[in-house]
């Protein structure tokens, strides 16, 4: 019963937020991406409830909205962790060892790319390029680039994040 009340509360917050967006954005298909960006910014992902509301408001089929969300890598259908760690697997980074960094990250966090740890602290993503090829290999934590990366550097950053989390 309590879980149901929580879901209804969250659904209502999502619906209310999209209704507020509808006051700002005209009922035009061209506004879909901007509205999706705002939903993602607010909730950290694009919930199904928001997709339904946008579909109804913009008169766009759900399948088309899903297609847009899955086409653009910046959108996600799953909630992200408090700390998002992305490892670049583009050519320059891959050649310089980013796969070892990704493998270590998966081992440490016990999740795969695209997943979030059960405690909601960490998410892992693969990227193809962050525009820092001269610093290859790179990984980012919450958008902050860590260049000339090594497995040891990754471990240091993770240890630091975990230490901060244990303080709070």
Protein backbone atom coordinates (compact mmCIF):
# COMPACT_ATOMS: atom_id res chain seq x y z
CA UNK A 1 0.00 0.00 0.00
CA UNK A 2 2.76 2.44 0.93
CA UNK A 3 4.64 1.69 -2.33
CA UNK A 4 1.47 2.45 -4.30
CA UNK A 5 1.09 5.81 -2.55
CA UNK A 6 4.71 6.62 -3.35
CA UNK A 7 4.23 5.75 -7.03
CA UNK A 8 1.08 7.89 -7.22
CA UNK A 9 2.94 10.79 -5.63
CA UNK A 10 5.83 10.52 -8.11
CA UNK A 11 3.43 10.13 -11.04
CA UNK A 12 1.62 13.28 -9.95
CA UNK A 13 4.89 15.25 -9.68
CA UNK A 14 5.85 14.16 -13.19
CA UNK A 15 2.42 15.01 -14.58
CA UNK A 16 2.43 18.40 -12.85
CA UNK A 17 5.88 19.21 -14.22
CA UNK A 18 4.88 18.35 -17.80
CA UNK A 19 1.69 20.44 -17.39
CA UNK A 20 3.92 23.38 -16.43
CA UNK A 21 6.04 22.79 -19.55
CA UNK A 22 2.87 22.86 -21.63
CA UNK A 23 2.33 26.45 -20.49
CA UNK A 24 5.78 27.38 -21.81
CA UNK A 25 5.96 25.37 -25.05
CA UNK A 26 3.53 25.61 -27.93
CA UNK A 27 1.74 22.46 -29.00
CA UNK A 28 4.21 21.84 -31.84
CA UNK A 29 6.12 18.67 -32.67
CA UNK A 30 9.34 20.71 -32.97
CA UNK A 31 9.26 21.30 -29.21
CA UNK A 32 9.65 17.60 -28.33
CA UNK A 33 13.43 17.60 -27.85
CA UNK A 34 13.42 20.77 -25.76
CA UNK A 35 10.66 19.39 -23.56
CA UNK A 36 12.46 16.05 -23.20
CA UNK A 37 15.61 17.91 -22.17
CA UNK A 38 13.70 19.74 -19.44
CA UNK A 39 12.13 16.52 -18.16
CA UNK A 40 15.54 14.83 -18.10
CA UNK A 41 17.07 17.83 -16.31
CA UNK A 42 14.35 17.71 -13.65
CA UNK A 43 14.13 13.95 -13.03
CA UNK A 44 17.49 12.64 -14.25
CA UNK A 45 15.73 10.44 -16.82
CA UNK A 46 12.55 10.46 -18.90
CA UNK A 47 9.81 8.61 -17.04
CA UNK A 48 7.07 6.78 -18.90
CA UNK A 49 4.46 9.12 -17.39
CA UNK A 50 6.22 12.12 -18.98
CA UNK A 51 6.36 10.36 -22.33
CA UNK A 52 2.60 9.71 -22.16
CA UNK A 53 1.86 13.33 -21.28
CA UNK A 54 4.09 14.64 -24.08
CA UNK A 55 2.55 12.20 -26.55
CA UNK A 56 -0.91 13.44 -25.72
CA UNK A 57 0.02 17.15 -25.68
CA UNK A 58 2.12 17.15 -28.87
CA UNK A 59 -0.06 14.59 -30.67
CA UNK A 60 2.99 12.38 -31.29
CA UNK A 61 2.76 8.57 -31.06
CA UNK A 62 4.54 7.01 -28.07
CA UNK A 63 6.68 4.94 -30.46
CA UNK A 64 8.03 8.11 -32.06
CA UNK A 65 8.87 9.64 -28.67
CA UNK A 66 10.60 6.41 -27.66
CA UNK A 67 12.53 6.53 -30.95
CA UNK A 68 13.78 10.05 -30.24
CA UNK A 69 14.78 9.18 -26.68
CA UNK A 70 16.71 6.08 -27.72
CA UNK A 71 18.31 7.78 -30.74
CA UNK A 72 19.98 10.55 -28.73
CA UNK A 73 22.55 9.22 -26.28
CA UNK A 74 22.04 12.11 -23.86
CA UNK A 75 18.55 10.86 -23.04
CA UNK A 76 17.92 7.95 -20.73
CA UNK A 77 14.89 5.90 -19.79
CA UNK A 78 16.41 4.76 -16.50
CA UNK A 79 17.19 6.87 -13.45
CA UNK A 80 20.89 7.67 -13.17
CA UNK A 81 22.93 7.45 -10.01
CA UNK A 82 24.09 10.42 -8.00
CA UNK A 83 27.47 10.06 -9.74
CA UNK A 84 27.57 9.24 -13.44
CA UNK A 85 30.86 7.84 -14.63
CA UNK A 86 31.46 7.68 -18.37
CA UNK A 87 34.43 6.00 -19.99
CA UNK A 88 35.40 7.03 -23.50
CA UNK A 89 35.78 4.05 -25.78
CA UNK A 90 36.52 6.12 -28.89
CA UNK A 91 39.52 5.14 -31.00
CA UNK A 92 42.18 7.30 -29.32
CA UNK A 93 41.08 6.30 -25.82
CA UNK A 94 40.55 2.65 -26.70
CA UNK A 95 44.03 2.35 -28.20
CA UNK A 96 45.50 3.86 -25.04
CA UNK A 97 43.72 1.46 -22.67
CA UNK A 98 40.24 2.73 -21.85
CA UNK A 99 38.82 -0.80 -22.02
CA UNK A 100 40.90 -1.73 -18.94
CA UNK A 101 39.43 1.29 -17.16
CA UNK A 102 35.90 0.27 -18.11
CA UNK A 103 36.53 -3.32 -17.02
CA UNK A 104 37.85 -2.13 -13.66
CA UNK A 105 34.88 0.19 -13.19
CA UNK A 106 32.42 -2.66 -13.84
CA UNK A 107 34.37 -4.89 -11.45
CA UNK A 108 34.43 -2.30 -8.66
CA UNK A 109 30.80 -1.27 -8.95
CA UNK A 110 29.47 -4.73 -9.87
CA UNK A 111 27.25 -3.34 -12.64
CA UNK A 112 27.39 -3.14 -16.43
CA UNK A 113 27.46 -0.10 -18.66
CA UNK A 114 24.05 1.57 -18.72
CA UNK A 115 23.22 0.38 -15.21
CA UNK A 116 22.99 2.04 -11.81
CA UNK A 117 24.17 0.56 -8.52
CA UNK A 118 21.35 -0.69 -6.24
CA UNK A 119 22.10 2.10 -3.73
CA UNK A 120 21.59 4.73 -6.46
CA UNK A 121 25.06 6.20 -6.03
CA UNK A 122 26.74 5.32 -9.32
CA UNK A 123 25.85 4.86 -12.98
CA UNK A 124 28.22 3.74 -15.72
CA UNK A 125 28.06 4.88 -19.33
CA UNK A 126 30.18 4.27 -22.39
CA UNK A 127 30.91 7.23 -24.63
CA UNK A 128 32.58 7.39 -28.01
CA UNK A 129 34.25 10.78 -27.70
CA UNK A 130 34.31 13.58 -25.18
CA UNK A 131 36.54 15.80 -27.32
CA UNK A 132 39.64 15.29 -25.19
CA UNK A 133 41.62 12.92 -27.44
CA UNK A 134 44.89 14.62 -26.50
CA UNK A 135 44.30 13.47 -22.92
CA UNK A 136 43.46 9.87 -23.87
CA UNK A 137 42.36 7.72 -22.24
CA UNK A 138 39.67 9.69 -20.41
CA UNK A 139 36.72 9.10 -18.15
CA UNK A 140 34.30 11.64 -16.73
CA UNK A 141 32.62 11.84 -13.36
CA UNK A 142 29.52 14.01 -13.37
CA UNK A 143 30.87 15.72 -16.49
CA UNK A 144 34.34 16.43 -15.07
CA UNK A 145 37.05 15.05 -17.36
CA UNK A 146 39.84 12.91 -15.95
CA UNK A 147 42.56 12.62 -18.58
CA UNK A 148 45.65 10.44 -18.97
CA UNK A 149 43.59 7.96 -17.00
CA UNK A 150 44.80 4.72 -15.52
CA UNK A 151 43.11 1.99 -13.52
CA UNK A 152 44.90 3.39 -10.45
CA UNK A 153 43.55 6.89 -11.12
CA UNK A 154 40.04 5.47 -11.46
CA UNK A 155 40.44 3.64 -8.15
CA UNK A 156 41.59 6.87 -6.47
CA UNK A 157 38.59 8.81 -7.79
CA UNK A 158 36.17 6.06 -6.75
CA UNK A 159 37.73 5.81 -3.30
CA UNK A 160 37.41 9.58 -2.90
CA UNK A 161 33.74 9.55 -3.94
CA UNK A 162 32.96 6.67 -1.59
CA UNK A 163 34.77 8.44 1.25
CA UNK A 164 32.66 11.59 0.64
CA UNK A 165 29.46 9.54 0.54
CA UNK A 166 30.31 7.83 3.84
CA UNK A 167 30.71 11.25 5.50
CA UNK A 168 27.19 12.35 4.57
